[in-house]
PDB file of N, CA and C in Angstrom:
ATOM      1  N   UNK A   1     -15.020   4.076  13.251  1.00  0.00           N
ATOM      2  CA  UNK A   1     -16.260   3.515  12.764  1.00  0.00           C
ATOM      3  C   UNK A   1     -17.304   3.674  13.854  1.00  0.00           C
ATOM      4  N   UNK A   2     -18.510   4.085  13.478  1.00  0.00           N
ATOM      5  CA  UNK A   2     -19.498   4.319  14.511  1.00  0.00           C
ATOM      6  C   UNK A   2     -20.913   3.938  14.104  1.00  0.00           C
ATOM      7  N   UNK A   3     -21.203   2.636  13.971  1.00  0.00           N
ATOM      8  CA  UNK A   3     -22.600   2.262  13.823  1.00  0.00           C
ATOM      9  C   UNK A   3     -23.156   1.984  15.206  1.00  0.00           C
ATOM     10  N   UNK A   4     -24.029   2.799  15.690  1.00  0.00           N
ATOM     11  CA  UNK A   4     -24.673   2.620  16.995  1.00  0.00           C
ATOM     12  C   UNK A   4     -23.656   2.408  18.109  1.00  0.00           C
ATOM     13  N   UNK A   5     -22.578   3.170  18.078  1.00  0.00           N
ATOM     14  CA  UNK A   5     -21.604   3.131  19.171  1.00  0.00           C
ATOM     15  C   UNK A   5     -20.696   1.921  19.184  1.00  0.00           C
ATOM     16  N   UNK A   6     -20.321   1.402  18.016  1.00  0.00           N
ATOM     17  CA  UNK A   6     -19.417   0.241  17.963  1.00  0.00           C
ATOM     18  C   UNK A   6     -18.057   0.581  18.545  1.00  0.00           C
ATOM     19  N   UNK A   7     -17.696   1.855  18.516  1.00  0.00           N
ATOM     20  CA  UNK A   7     -16.414   2.276  19.071  1.00  0.00           C
ATOM     21  C   UNK A   7     -15.290   2.117  18.082  1.00  0.00           C
ATOM     22  N   UNK A   8     -14.071   2.340  18.550  1.00  0.00           N
ATOM     23  CA  UNK A   8     -12.914   2.236  17.653  1.00  0.00           C
ATOM     24  C   UNK A   8     -12.695   0.802  17.185  1.00  0.00           C
ATOM     25  N   UNK A   9     -12.199   0.672  15.977  1.00  0.00           N
ATOM     26  CA  UNK A   9     -11.891  -0.630  15.394  1.00  0.00           C
ATOM     27  C   UNK A   9     -10.461  -0.597  14.875  1.00  0.00           C
ATOM     28  N   UNK A  10      -9.947  -1.767  14.545  1.00  0.00           N
ATOM     29  CA  UNK A  10      -8.604  -1.865  13.968  1.00  0.00           C
ATOM     30  C   UNK A  10      -8.746  -2.394  12.550  1.00  0.00           C
ATOM     31  N   UNK A  11      -8.081  -1.758  11.601  1.00  0.00           N
ATOM     32  CA  UNK A  11      -8.131  -2.202  10.207  1.00  0.00           C
ATOM     33  C   UNK A  11      -7.190  -3.389  10.040  1.00  0.00           C
ATOM     34  N   UNK A  12      -7.740  -4.504   9.534  1.00  0.00           N
ATOM     35  CA  UNK A  12      -6.945  -5.697   9.273  1.00  0.00           C
ATOM     36  C   UNK A  12      -6.503  -5.766   7.825  1.00  0.00           C
ATOM     37  N   UNK A  13      -7.367  -5.299   6.911  1.00  0.00           N
ATOM     38  CA  UNK A  13      -7.083  -5.364   5.483  1.00  0.00           C
ATOM     39  C   UNK A  13      -7.897  -4.281   4.789  1.00  0.00           C
ATOM     40  N   UNK A  14      -7.277  -3.619   3.839  1.00  0.00           N
ATOM     41  CA  UNK A  14      -7.920  -2.528   3.108  1.00  0.00           C
ATOM     42  C   UNK A  14      -7.706  -2.789   1.628  1.00  0.00           C
ATOM     43  N   UNK A  15      -8.795  -2.771   0.831  1.00  0.00           N
ATOM     44  CA  UNK A  15      -8.662  -3.020  -0.605  1.00  0.00           C
ATOM     45  C   UNK A  15      -9.550  -2.049  -1.380  1.00  0.00           C
ATOM     46  N   UNK A  16      -9.554  -2.192  -2.692  1.00  0.00           N
ATOM     47  CA  UNK A  16     -10.375  -1.326  -3.537  1.00  0.00           C
ATOM     48  C   UNK A  16     -11.875  -1.560  -3.314  1.00  0.00           C
ATOM     49  N   UNK A  17     -12.250  -2.771  -2.904  1.00  0.00           N
ATOM     50  CA  UNK A  17     -13.661  -3.099  -2.754  1.00  0.00           C
ATOM     51  C   UNK A  17     -14.220  -2.935  -1.360  1.00  0.00           C
ATOM     52  N   UNK A  18     -13.320  -2.923  -0.362  1.00  0.00           N
ATOM     53  CA  UNK A  18     -13.823  -2.834   1.004  1.00  0.00           C
ATOM     54  C   UNK A  18     -12.720  -2.877   2.039  1.00  0.00           C
ATOM     55  N   UNK A  19     -13.118  -3.204   3.249  1.00  0.00           N
ATOM     56  CA  UNK A  19     -12.183  -3.198   4.368  1.00  0.00           C
ATOM     57  C   UNK A  19     -12.572  -4.298   5.346  1.00  0.00           C
ATOM     58  N   UNK A  20     -11.582  -4.950   5.932  1.00  0.00           N
ATOM     59  CA  UNK A  20     -11.812  -5.957   6.974  1.00  0.00           C
ATOM     60  C   UNK A  20     -11.308  -5.361   8.276  1.00  0.00           C
ATOM     61  N   UNK A  21     -12.158  -5.430   9.300  1.00  0.00           N
ATOM     62  CA  UNK A  21     -11.871  -4.770  10.568  1.00  0.00           C
ATOM     63  C   UNK A  21     -11.905  -5.750  11.728  1.00  0.00           C
ATOM     64  N   UNK A  22     -11.257  -5.404  12.826  1.00  0.00           N
ATOM     65  CA  UNK A  22     -11.425  -6.094  14.100  1.00  0.00           C
ATOM     66  C   UNK A  22     -12.232  -5.160  14.981  1.00  0.00           C
ATOM     67  N   UNK A  23     -13.243  -5.718  15.647  1.00  0.00           N
ATOM     68  CA  UNK A  23     -14.080  -4.944  16.543  1.00  0.00           C
ATOM     69  C   UNK A  23     -14.281  -5.723  17.842  1.00  0.00           C
ATOM     70  N   UNK A  24     -14.343  -5.014  18.947  1.00  0.00           N
ATOM     71  CA  UNK A  24     -14.625  -5.650  20.230  1.00  0.00           C
ATOM     72  C   UNK A  24     -16.097  -6.033  20.333  1.00  0.00           C
ATOM     73  N   UNK A  25     -16.949  -5.388  19.520  1.00  0.00           N
ATOM     74  CA  UNK A  25     -18.393  -5.638  19.553  1.00  0.00           C
ATOM     75  C   UNK A  25     -18.851  -6.187  18.212  1.00  0.00           C
ATOM     76  N   UNK A  26     -19.876  -7.056  18.214  1.00  0.00           N
ATOM     77  CA  UNK A  26     -20.386  -7.577  16.941  1.00  0.00           C
ATOM     78  C   UNK A  26     -21.167  -6.507  16.184  1.00  0.00           C
ATOM     79  N   UNK A  27     -21.139  -6.612  14.863  1.00  0.00           N
ATOM     80  CA  UNK A  27     -21.917  -5.717  14.008  1.00  0.00           C
ATOM     81  C   UNK A  27     -22.857  -6.559  13.166  1.00  0.00           C
ATOM     82  N   UNK A  28     -24.020  -6.032  12.862  1.00  0.00           N
ATOM     83  CA  UNK A  28     -25.032  -6.775  12.111  1.00  0.00           C
ATOM     84  C   UNK A  28     -24.788  -6.673  10.613  1.00  0.00           C
ATOM     85  N   UNK A  29     -24.980  -7.792   9.915  1.00  0.00           N
ATOM     86  CA  UNK A  29     -24.896  -7.811   8.461  1.00  0.00           C
ATOM     87  C   UNK A  29     -25.922  -6.831   7.895  1.00  0.00           C
ATOM     88  N   UNK A  30     -25.492  -6.018   6.943  1.00  0.00           N
ATOM     89  CA  UNK A  30     -26.363  -5.015   6.337  1.00  0.00           C
ATOM     90  C   UNK A  30     -26.276  -3.653   7.004  1.00  0.00           C
ATOM     91  N   UNK A  31     -25.714  -3.612   8.206  1.00  0.00           N
ATOM     92  CA  UNK A  31     -25.564  -2.338   8.922  1.00  0.00           C
ATOM     93  C   UNK A  31     -24.598  -1.436   8.155  1.00  0.00           C
ATOM     94  N   UNK A  32     -24.833  -0.141   8.184  1.00  0.00           N
ATOM     95  CA  UNK A  32     -23.958   0.822   7.509  1.00  0.00           C
ATOM     96  C   UNK A  32     -23.239   1.670   8.541  1.00  0.00           C
ATOM     97  N   UNK A  33     -22.050   2.108   8.166  1.00  0.00           N
ATOM     98  CA  UNK A  33     -21.241   2.884   9.099  1.00  0.00           C
ATOM     99  C   UNK A  33     -20.299   3.798   8.327  1.00  0.00           C
ATOM    100  N   UNK A  34     -19.700   4.727   9.042  1.00  0.00           N
ATOM    101  CA  UNK A  34     -18.660   5.578   8.488  1.00  0.00           C
ATOM    102  C   UNK A  34     -17.320   5.105   9.030  1.00  0.00           C
ATOM    103  N   UNK A  35     -16.336   5.014   8.154  1.00  0.00           N
ATOM    104  CA  UNK A  35     -14.982   4.650   8.553  1.00  0.00           C
ATOM    105  C   UNK A  35     -14.096   5.857   8.316  1.00  0.00           C
ATOM    106  N   UNK A  36     -13.309   6.215   9.333  1.00  0.00           N
ATOM    107  CA  UNK A  36     -12.364   7.327   9.205  1.00  0.00           C
ATOM    108  C   UNK A  36     -10.970   6.803   9.515  1.00  0.00           C
ATOM    109  N   UNK A  37     -10.016   7.155   8.655  1.00  0.00           N
ATOM    110  CA  UNK A  37      -8.624   6.755   8.836  1.00  0.00           C
ATOM    111  C   UNK A  37      -7.728   7.974   8.825  1.00  0.00           C
ATOM    112  N   UNK A  38      -6.733   7.938   9.685  1.00  0.00           N
ATOM    113  CA  UNK A  38      -5.700   8.977   9.683  1.00  0.00           C
ATOM    114  C   UNK A  38      -4.349   8.301   9.776  1.00  0.00           C
ATOM    115  N   UNK A  39      -3.526   8.525   8.767  1.00  0.00           N
ATOM    116  CA  UNK A  39      -2.169   7.997   8.752  1.00  0.00           C
ATOM    117  C   UNK A  39      -1.254   9.186   8.513  1.00  0.00           C
ATOM    118  N   UNK A  40      -0.667   9.694   9.583  1.00  0.00           N
ATOM    119  CA  UNK A  40       0.144  10.901   9.465  1.00  0.00           C
ATOM    120  C   UNK A  40      -0.713  12.035   8.936  1.00  0.00           C
ATOM    121  N   UNK A  41      -0.272  12.696   7.867  1.00  0.00           N
ATOM    122  CA  UNK A  41      -1.037  13.814   7.330  1.00  0.00           C
ATOM    123  C   UNK A  41      -2.191  13.385   6.411  1.00  0.00           C
ATOM    124  N   UNK A  42      -2.262  12.087   6.082  1.00  0.00           N
ATOM    125  CA  UNK A  42      -3.300  11.598   5.173  1.00  0.00           C
ATOM    126  C   UNK A  42      -4.559  11.251   5.958  1.00  0.00           C
ATOM    127  N   UNK A  43      -5.685  11.833   5.531  1.00  0.00           N
ATOM    128  CA  UNK A  43      -6.967  11.558   6.174  1.00  0.00           C
ATOM    129  C   UNK A  43      -7.942  11.083   5.108  1.00  0.00           C
ATOM    130  N   UNK A  44      -8.731  10.043   5.446  1.00  0.00           N
ATOM    131  CA  UNK A  44      -9.698   9.478   4.519  1.00  0.00           C
ATOM    132  C   UNK A  44     -10.944   9.064   5.301  1.00  0.00           C
ATOM    133  N   UNK A  45     -12.099   9.202   4.690  1.00  0.00           N
ATOM    134  CA  UNK A  45     -13.320   8.687   5.302  1.00  0.00           C
ATOM    135  C   UNK A  45     -14.219   8.153   4.197  1.00  0.00           C
ATOM    136  N   UNK A  46     -15.023   7.172   4.544  1.00  0.00           N
ATOM    137  CA  UNK A  46     -15.924   6.581   3.564  1.00  0.00           C
ATOM    138  C   UNK A  46     -17.049   5.829   4.246  1.00  0.00           C
ATOM    139  N   UNK A  47     -18.063   5.532   3.486  1.00  0.00           N
ATOM    140  CA  UNK A  47     -19.240   4.821   3.977  1.00  0.00           C
ATOM    141  C   UNK A  47     -19.092   3.347   3.620  1.00  0.00           C
ATOM    142  N   UNK A  48     -19.394   2.453   4.569  1.00  0.00           N
ATOM    143  CA  UNK A  48     -19.290   1.018   4.338  1.00  0.00           C
ATOM    144  C   UNK A  48     -20.562   0.308   4.765  1.00  0.00           C
ATOM    145  N   UNK A  49     -20.736  -0.902   4.223  1.00  0.00           N
ATOM    146  CA  UNK A  49     -21.845  -1.772   4.603  1.00  0.00           C
ATOM    147  C   UNK A  49     -21.257  -3.078   5.104  1.00  0.00           C
ATOM    148  N   UNK A  50     -21.707  -3.548   6.276  1.00  0.00           N
ATOM    149  CA  UNK A  50     -21.216  -4.800   6.864  1.00  0.00           C
ATOM    150  C   UNK A  50     -21.735  -5.976   6.045  1.00  0.00           C
ATOM    151  N   UNK A  51     -20.798  -6.860   5.634  1.00  0.00           N
ATOM    152  CA  UNK A  51     -21.141  -8.032   4.843  1.00  0.00           C
ATOM    153  C   UNK A  51     -21.026  -9.301   5.688  1.00  0.00           C
ATOM    154  N   UNK A  52     -20.001  -9.370   6.535  1.00  0.00           N
ATOM    155  CA  UNK A  52     -19.807 -10.524   7.411  1.00  0.00           C
ATOM    156  C   UNK A  52     -19.347 -10.057   8.787  1.00  0.00           C
ATOM    157  N   UNK A  53     -19.633 -10.873   9.790  1.00  0.00           N
ATOM    158  CA  UNK A  53     -19.134 -10.624  11.144  1.00  0.00           C
ATOM    159  C   UNK A  53     -18.883 -11.982  11.787  1.00  0.00           C
ATOM    160  N   UNK A  54     -17.605 -12.302  11.987  1.00  0.00           N
ATOM    161  CA  UNK A  54     -17.215 -13.612  12.512  1.00  0.00           C
ATOM    162  C   UNK A  54     -16.630 -13.469  13.906  1.00  0.00           C
ATOM    163  N   UNK A  55     -17.132 -14.268  14.833  1.00  0.00           N
ATOM    164  CA  UNK A  55     -16.628 -14.257  16.202  1.00  0.00           C
ATOM    165  C   UNK A  55     -15.294 -14.993  16.273  1.00  0.00           C
ATOM    166  N   UNK A  56     -14.369 -14.451  17.042  1.00  0.00           N
ATOM    167  CA  UNK A  56     -13.082 -15.093  17.278  1.00  0.00           C
ATOM    168  C   UNK A  56     -12.960 -15.386  18.765  1.00  0.00           C
ATOM    169  N   UNK A  57     -13.780 -16.334  19.229  1.00  0.00           N
ATOM    170  CA  UNK A  57     -13.843 -16.733  20.633  1.00  0.00           C
ATOM    171  C   UNK A  57     -14.023 -15.509  21.514  1.00  0.00           C
ATOM    172  N   UNK A  58     -13.131 -15.303  22.459  1.00  0.00           N
ATOM    173  CA  UNK A  58     -13.233 -14.149  23.352  1.00  0.00           C
ATOM    174  C   UNK A  58     -12.345 -12.996  22.892  1.00  0.00           C
ATOM    175  N   UNK A  59     -11.885 -13.067  21.642  1.00  0.00           N
ATOM    176  CA  UNK A  59     -10.937 -12.072  21.144  1.00  0.00           C
ATOM    177  C   UNK A  59     -11.572 -11.081  20.179  1.00  0.00           C
ATOM    178  N   UNK A  60     -12.883 -10.895  20.222  1.00  0.00           N
ATOM    179  CA  UNK A  60     -13.529  -9.907  19.369  1.00  0.00           C
ATOM    180  C   UNK A  60     -14.097 -10.501  18.103  1.00  0.00           C
ATOM    181  N   UNK A  61     -14.280  -9.636  17.106  1.00  0.00           N
ATOM    182  CA  UNK A  61     -14.975 -10.003  15.882  1.00  0.00           C
ATOM    183  C   UNK A  61     -14.228  -9.483  14.663  1.00  0.00           C
ATOM    184  N   UNK A  62     -14.143 -10.322  13.625  1.00  0.00           N
ATOM    185  CA  UNK A  62     -13.607  -9.905  12.333  1.00  0.00           C
ATOM    186  C   UNK A  62     -14.805  -9.493  11.486  1.00  0.00           C
ATOM    187  N   UNK A  63     -14.801  -8.252  11.015  1.00  0.00           N
ATOM    188  CA  UNK A  63     -15.947  -7.687  10.304  1.00  0.00           C
ATOM    189  C   UNK A  63     -15.527  -7.344   8.875  1.00  0.00           C
ATOM    190  N   UNK A  64     -16.208  -7.935   7.908  1.00  0.00           N
ATOM    191  CA  UNK A  64     -15.961  -7.646   6.502  1.00  0.00           C
ATOM    192  C   UNK A  64     -16.950  -6.611   6.011  1.00  0.00           C
ATOM    193  N   UNK A  65     -16.442  -5.546   5.415  1.00  0.00           N
ATOM    194  CA  UNK A  65     -17.298  -4.459   4.936  1.00  0.00           C
ATOM    195  C   UNK A  65     -16.984  -4.148   3.476  1.00  0.00           C
ATOM    196  N   UNK A  66     -18.029  -3.793   2.731  1.00  0.00           N
ATOM    197  CA  UNK A  66     -17.815  -3.318   1.366  1.00  0.00           C
ATOM    198  C   UNK A  66     -18.096  -1.828   1.338  1.00  0.00           C
ATOM    199  N   UNK A  67     -17.410  -1.123   0.462  1.00  0.00           N
ATOM    200  CA  UNK A  67     -17.658   0.304   0.332  1.00  0.00           C
ATOM    201  C   UNK A  67     -19.060   0.502  -0.234  1.00  0.00           C
ATOM    202  N   UNK A  68     -19.818   1.377   0.385  1.00  0.00           N
ATOM    203  CA  UNK A  68     -21.210   1.626  -0.016  1.00  0.00           C
ATOM    204  C   UNK A  68     -21.277   2.863  -0.896  1.00  0.00           C
ATOM    205  N   UNK A  69     -22.151   2.797  -1.882  1.00  0.00           N
ATOM    206  CA  UNK A  69     -22.385   3.969  -2.726  1.00  0.00           C
ATOM    207  C   UNK A  69     -23.073   5.033  -1.884  1.00  0.00           C
ATOM    208  N   UNK A  70     -22.914   6.242  -2.267  1.00  0.00           N
ATOM    209  CA  UNK A  70     -23.540   7.345  -1.566  1.00  0.00           C
ATOM    210  C   UNK A  70     -25.040   7.346  -1.864  1.00  0.00           C
ATOM    211  N   UNK A  71     -25.842   6.993  -0.853  1.00  0.00           N
ATOM    212  CA  UNK A  71     -27.290   6.923  -1.052  1.00  0.00           C
ATOM    213  C   UNK A  71     -27.876   8.278  -1.421  1.00  0.00           C
ATOM    214  N   UNK A  72     -27.265   9.353  -0.987  1.00  0.00           N
ATOM    215  CA  UNK A  72     -27.782  10.689  -1.252  1.00  0.00           C
ATOM    216  C   UNK A  72     -27.701  11.034  -2.742  1.00  0.00           C
ATOM    217  N   UNK A  73     -26.770  10.422  -3.467  1.00  0.00           N
ATOM    218  CA  UNK A  73     -26.588  10.777  -4.869  1.00  0.00           C
ATOM    219  C   UNK A  73     -27.447   9.927  -5.816  1.00  0.00           C
ATOM    220  N   UNK A  74     -28.158   8.944  -5.264  1.00  0.00           N
ATOM    221  CA  UNK A  74     -29.000   8.104  -6.123  1.00  0.00           C
ATOM    222  C   UNK A  74     -30.192   8.892  -6.642  1.00  0.00           C
ATOM    223  N   UNK A  75     -30.533   8.657  -7.892  1.00  0.00           N
ATOM    224  CA  UNK A  75     -31.685   9.333  -8.489  1.00  0.00           C
ATOM    225  C   UNK A  75     -32.895   8.441  -8.341  1.00  0.00           C
ATOM    226  N   UNK A  76     -33.994   9.031  -8.018  1.00  0.00           N
ATOM    227  CA  UNK A  76     -35.256   8.304  -7.920  1.00  0.00           C
ATOM    228  C   UNK A  76     -36.002   8.488  -9.231  1.00  0.00           C
ATOM    229  N   UNK A  77     -36.392   7.377  -9.860  1.00  0.00           N
ATOM    230  CA  UNK A  77     -37.069   7.457 -11.160  1.00  0.00           C
ATOM    231  C   UNK A  77     -38.563   7.585 -10.998  1.00  0.00           C
TER     232      UNK A  77
END
């Protein structure tokens, strides 16, 4: 994940609607990022939007993200 250099994150939970991550750095609500996963031969990437960011004392941040629609494919009326 790389919104403004957030660096590597750890996936805590992955679902159809989004992903919950652990990050050493806080992320801003509304910020968008790319998430890339590699599990053996399986590779996946997607665009997400930060919905929540909760501090866990000195142990980093739990970041809730929802999968974002592809802004490039939106039609302008």
